[in-house]
Amino acid sequence: MSSESRHLSERIGRPAGEVYDYAVDPANLPRWAPGLGSAVEQVDGRWYVQSPMGRVGFAFAPRNEYGVLDHHVTLPSGEAVYNPMRVIADGDGCEVVFTLRRQPGVGDDEFARDAAAVSADLASLKRILEGRG
């Protein structure tokens, strides 16, 4: 069980459905989430991302009407990390919320770096989608 969670969010001036449709497509991950990985591939129906840690598995929750982007990242060690994430409608725009959970053995500095990387990824998502307008 994790000992701490931090909710990181970004408001995006685009409709929630558009943001969800873009973010839920694993092929778009290297564009908006370079902190996770630089390349993505699908093999036998499973998605993999090339990350600084090596090749990691990646699986979103099934497509849904609620904006749930929860996902599991399977590390090269085989450990799976669950990451809650949502796109929440807010008028003509939306808010994307990622819950970062401190994993066992992660110190304050590493947790802060992880939070900064997630925040940067969410800011990239905002730049990309608002730039489409």
C-alpha atoms as a PDB file:
ATOM      1  CA  MET A   1       0.000   0.000   0.000  1.00  0.00           C
ATOM      2  CA  SER A   2       1.311   3.455  -0.859  1.00  0.00           C
ATOM      3  CA  SER A   3       1.898   5.902   1.944  1.00  0.00           C
ATOM      4  CA  GLU A   4       1.032   9.143   0.165  1.00  0.00           C
ATOM      5  CA  SER A   5      -0.860  10.415  -2.851  1.00  0.00           C
ATOM      6  CA  ARG A   6      -0.584  13.707  -4.696  1.00  0.00           C
ATOM      7  CA  HIS A   7      -3.285  14.896  -7.080  1.00  0.00           C
ATOM      8  CA  LEU A   8      -1.794  16.733 -10.055  1.00  0.00           C
ATOM      9  CA  SER A   9      -4.071  18.492 -12.504  1.00  0.00           C
ATOM     10  CA  GLU A  10      -4.169  20.663 -15.577  1.00  0.00           C
ATOM     11  CA  ARG A  11      -7.120  22.609 -16.958  1.00  0.00           C
ATOM     12  CA  ILE A  12      -7.431  22.289 -20.725  1.00  0.00           C
ATOM     13  CA  GLY A  13      -9.517  24.610 -22.867  1.00  0.00           C
ATOM     14  CA  ARG A  14     -10.896  21.829 -25.078  1.00  0.00           C
ATOM     15  CA  PRO A  15     -13.971  19.591 -24.689  1.00  0.00           C
ATOM     16  CA  ALA A  16     -13.506  16.661 -22.321  1.00  0.00           C
ATOM     17  CA  GLY A  17     -14.402  14.115 -25.011  1.00  0.00           C
ATOM     18  CA  GLU A  18     -11.723  15.445 -27.347  1.00  0.00           C
ATOM     19  CA  VAL A  19      -9.086  15.369 -24.603  1.00  0.00           C
ATOM     20  CA  TYR A  20     -10.096  11.860 -23.572  1.00  0.00           C
ATOM     21  CA  ASP A  21     -10.040  10.561 -27.167  1.00  0.00           C
ATOM     22  CA  TYR A  22      -6.532  11.917 -27.693  1.00  0.00           C
ATOM     23  CA  ALA A  23      -5.087  10.827 -24.337  1.00  0.00           C
ATOM     24  CA  VAL A  24      -6.579   7.313 -24.347  1.00  0.00           C
ATOM     25  CA  ASP A  25      -4.824   6.417 -27.616  1.00  0.00           C
ATOM     26  CA  PRO A  26      -1.512   4.812 -26.595  1.00  0.00           C
ATOM     27  CA  ALA A  27       0.000   5.790 -29.950  1.00  0.00           C
ATOM     28  CA  ASN A  28      -0.117   9.435 -28.761  1.00  0.00           C
ATOM     29  CA  LEU A  29       1.806   8.798 -25.527  1.00  0.00           C
ATOM     30  CA  PRO A  30       5.273   9.766 -26.797  1.00  0.00           C
ATOM     31  CA  ARG A  31       3.881  13.152 -27.900  1.00  0.00           C
ATOM     32  CA  TRP A  32       2.277  14.193 -24.633  1.00  0.00           C
ATOM     33  CA  ALA A  33       3.922  11.934 -22.041  1.00  0.00           C
ATOM     34  CA  PRO A  34       7.618  11.840 -22.937  1.00  0.00           C
ATOM     35  CA  GLY A  35       8.288  11.374 -19.217  1.00  0.00           C
ATOM     36  CA  LEU A  36       6.838   7.889 -19.586  1.00  0.00           C
ATOM     37  CA  GLY A  37       8.613   6.955 -22.775  1.00  0.00           C
ATOM     38  CA  SER A  38       9.883   7.927 -26.189  1.00  0.00           C
ATOM     39  CA  ALA A  39       8.387   5.233 -28.390  1.00  0.00           C
ATOM     40  CA  VAL A  40       5.329   3.015 -28.263  1.00  0.00           C
ATOM     41  CA  GLU A  41       4.473  -0.232 -29.999  1.00  0.00           C
ATOM     42  CA  GLN A  42       1.652  -2.726 -29.971  1.00  0.00           C
ATOM     43  CA  VAL A  43       2.576  -6.406 -29.879  1.00  0.00           C
ATOM     44  CA  ASP A  44      -0.063  -9.144 -29.812  1.00  0.00           C
ATOM     45  CA  GLY A  45      -2.707  -6.682 -28.610  1.00  0.00           C
ATOM     46  CA  ARG A  46      -0.567  -5.292 -25.760  1.00  0.00           C
ATOM     47  CA  TRP A  47       1.058  -1.857 -25.669  1.00  0.00           C
ATOM     48  CA  TYR A  48       4.689  -1.263 -24.733  1.00  0.00           C
ATOM     49  CA  VAL A  49       6.588   1.963 -24.174  1.00  0.00           C
ATOM     50  CA  GLN A  50      10.351   2.380 -24.446  1.00  0.00           C
ATOM     51  CA  SER A  51      11.274   4.213 -21.251  1.00  0.00           C
ATOM     52  CA  PRO A  52      14.474   5.179 -19.455  1.00  0.00           C
ATOM     53  CA  MET A  53      13.922   2.019 -17.344  1.00  0.00           C
ATOM     54  CA  GLY A  54      13.645  -0.176 -20.439  1.00  0.00           C
ATOM     55  CA  ARG A  55      10.573  -1.581 -22.122  1.00  0.00           C
ATOM     56  CA  VAL A  56       7.449  -1.240 -19.992  1.00  0.00           C
ATOM     57  CA  GLY A  57       3.924  -2.520 -20.547  1.00  0.00           C
ATOM     58  CA  PHE A  58       1.074  -0.048 -20.604  1.00  0.00           C
ATOM     59  CA  ALA A  59      -2.681  -0.638 -20.389  1.00  0.00           C
ATOM     60  CA  PHE A  60      -5.508   1.881 -20.014  1.00  0.00           C
ATOM     61  CA  ALA A  61      -8.835   0.986 -18.462  1.00  0.00           C
ATOM     62  CA  PRO A  62     -11.353   0.000 -21.163  1.00  0.00           C
ATOM     63  CA  ARG A  63     -12.768   2.957 -23.108  1.00  0.00           C
ATOM     64  CA  ASN A  64     -15.613   4.502 -21.171  1.00  0.00           C
ATOM     65  CA  GLU A  65     -17.980   7.456 -21.138  1.00  0.00           C
ATOM     66  CA  TYR A  66     -16.732   8.765 -17.775  1.00  0.00           C
ATOM     67  CA  GLY A  67     -13.264   9.991 -18.775  1.00  0.00           C
ATOM     68  CA  VAL A  68     -11.467   7.333 -16.742  1.00  0.00           C
ATOM     69  CA  LEU A  69      -7.880   6.986 -17.952  1.00  0.00           C
ATOM     70  CA  ASP A  70      -6.679   4.748 -15.147  1.00  0.00           C
ATOM     71  CA  HIS A  71      -3.750   2.666 -16.316  1.00  0.00           C
ATOM     72  CA  HIS A  72      -1.249   0.061 -15.273  1.00  0.00           C
ATOM     73  CA  VAL A  73       2.423   0.380 -16.087  1.00  0.00           C
ATOM     74  CA  THR A  74       4.282  -2.930 -15.902  1.00  0.00           C
ATOM     75  CA  LEU A  75       7.945  -2.318 -15.127  1.00  0.00           C
ATOM     76  CA  PRO A  76      10.783  -4.444 -16.539  1.00  0.00           C
ATOM     77  CA  SER A  77      10.900  -6.171 -13.127  1.00  0.00           C
ATOM     78  CA  GLY A  78       7.320  -7.394 -13.687  1.00  0.00           C
ATOM     79  CA  GLU A  79       5.916  -5.102 -10.995  1.00  0.00           C
ATOM     80  CA  ALA A  80       2.665  -3.434 -12.093  1.00  0.00           C
ATOM     81  CA  VAL A  81       1.969   0.127 -10.925  1.00  0.00           C
ATOM     82  CA  TYR A  82      -1.638   1.349 -10.946  1.00  0.00           C
ATOM     83  CA  ASN A  83      -2.128   5.028 -11.846  1.00  0.00           C
ATOM     84  CA  PRO A  84      -5.557   6.665 -11.398  1.00  0.00           C
ATOM     85  CA  MET A  85      -6.289   9.380 -13.978  1.00  0.00           C
ATOM     86  CA  ARG A  86      -9.440  11.211 -15.072  1.00  0.00           C
ATOM     87  CA  VAL A  87     -10.675  13.747 -17.604  1.00  0.00           C
ATOM     88  CA  ILE A  88     -13.381  15.788 -15.900  1.00  0.00           C
ATOM     89  CA  ALA A  89     -15.702  18.026 -17.941  1.00  0.00           C
ATOM     90  CA  ASP A  90     -15.750  21.678 -16.871  1.00  0.00           C
ATOM     91  CA  GLY A  91     -17.970  23.828 -19.080  1.00  0.00           C
ATOM     92  CA  ASP A  92     -16.431  24.060 -22.555  1.00  0.00           C
ATOM     93  CA  GLY A  93     -13.124  22.718 -21.221  1.00  0.00           C
ATOM     94  CA  CYS A  94     -11.978  20.083 -18.800  1.00  0.00           C
ATOM     95  CA  GLU A  95      -9.547  19.219 -16.063  1.00  0.00           C
ATOM     96  CA  VAL A  96      -7.196  16.244 -16.279  1.00  0.00           C
ATOM     97  CA  VAL A  97      -6.330  14.826 -12.857  1.00  0.00           C
ATOM     98  CA  PHE A  98      -3.556  12.296 -12.244  1.00  0.00           C
ATOM     99  CA  THR A  99      -3.117  10.733  -8.812  1.00  0.00           C
ATOM    100  CA  LEU A 100       0.550  10.090  -8.135  1.00  0.00           C
ATOM    101  CA  ARG A 101       1.050   7.479  -5.453  1.00  0.00           C
ATOM    102  CA  ARG A 102       4.317   7.202  -3.591  1.00  0.00           C
ATOM    103  CA  GLN A 103       5.583   3.680  -4.048  1.00  0.00           C
ATOM    104  CA  PRO A 104       7.362   1.815  -1.230  1.00  0.00           C
ATOM    105  CA  GLY A 105      11.000   2.843  -0.942  1.00  0.00           C
ATOM    106  CA  VAL A 106      10.559   6.105  -2.886  1.00  0.00           C
ATOM    107  CA  GLY A 107      12.191   9.007  -1.059  1.00  0.00           C
ATOM    108  CA  ASP A 108      11.095  12.627  -0.977  1.00  0.00           C
ATOM    109  CA  ASP A 109      13.423  13.753  -3.783  1.00  0.00           C
ATOM    110  CA  GLU A 110      12.359  10.969  -6.151  1.00  0.00           C
ATOM    111  CA  PHE A 111       8.670  11.558  -5.345  1.00  0.00           C
ATOM    112  CA  ALA A 112       9.129  15.268  -6.105  1.00  0.00           C
ATOM    113  CA  ARG A 113      10.852  14.394  -9.423  1.00  0.00           C
ATOM    114  CA  ASP A 114       8.003  12.028 -10.308  1.00  0.00           C
ATOM    115  CA  ALA A 115       5.460  14.775  -9.541  1.00  0.00           C
ATOM    116  CA  ALA A 116       7.382  17.258 -11.691  1.00  0.00           C
ATOM    117  CA  ALA A 117       7.511  14.760 -14.585  1.00  0.00           C
ATOM    118  CA  VAL A 118       3.755  14.111 -14.403  1.00  0.00           C
ATOM    119  CA  SER A 119       3.047  17.854 -14.236  1.00  0.00           C
ATOM    120  CA  ALA A 120       5.246  18.405 -17.301  1.00  0.00           C
ATOM    121  CA  ASP A 121       3.395  15.648 -19.175  1.00  0.00           C
ATOM    122  CA  LEU A 122       0.012  17.184 -18.313  1.00  0.00           C
ATOM    123  CA  ALA A 123       1.285  20.597 -19.451  1.00  0.00           C
ATOM    124  CA  SER A 124       2.357  18.992 -22.754  1.00  0.00           C
ATOM    125  CA  LEU A 125      -1.110  17.508 -23.170  1.00  0.00           C
ATOM    126  CA  LYS A 126      -2.583  20.982 -22.640  1.00  0.00           C
ATOM    127  CA  ARG A 127      -0.209  22.615 -25.163  1.00  0.00           C
ATOM    128  CA  ILE A 128      -0.912  20.013 -27.810  1.00  0.00           C
ATOM    129  CA  LEU A 129      -4.687  20.041 -27.470  1.00  0.00           C
ATOM    130  CA  GLU A 130      -5.110  23.777 -27.064  1.00  0.00           C
ATOM    131  CA  GLY A 131      -2.845  24.253 -30.076  1.00  0.00           C
ATOM    132  CA  ARG A 132      -5.301  22.279 -32.194  1.00  0.00           C
ATOM    133  CA  GLY A 133      -8.064  24.846 -31.582  1.00  0.00           C
END
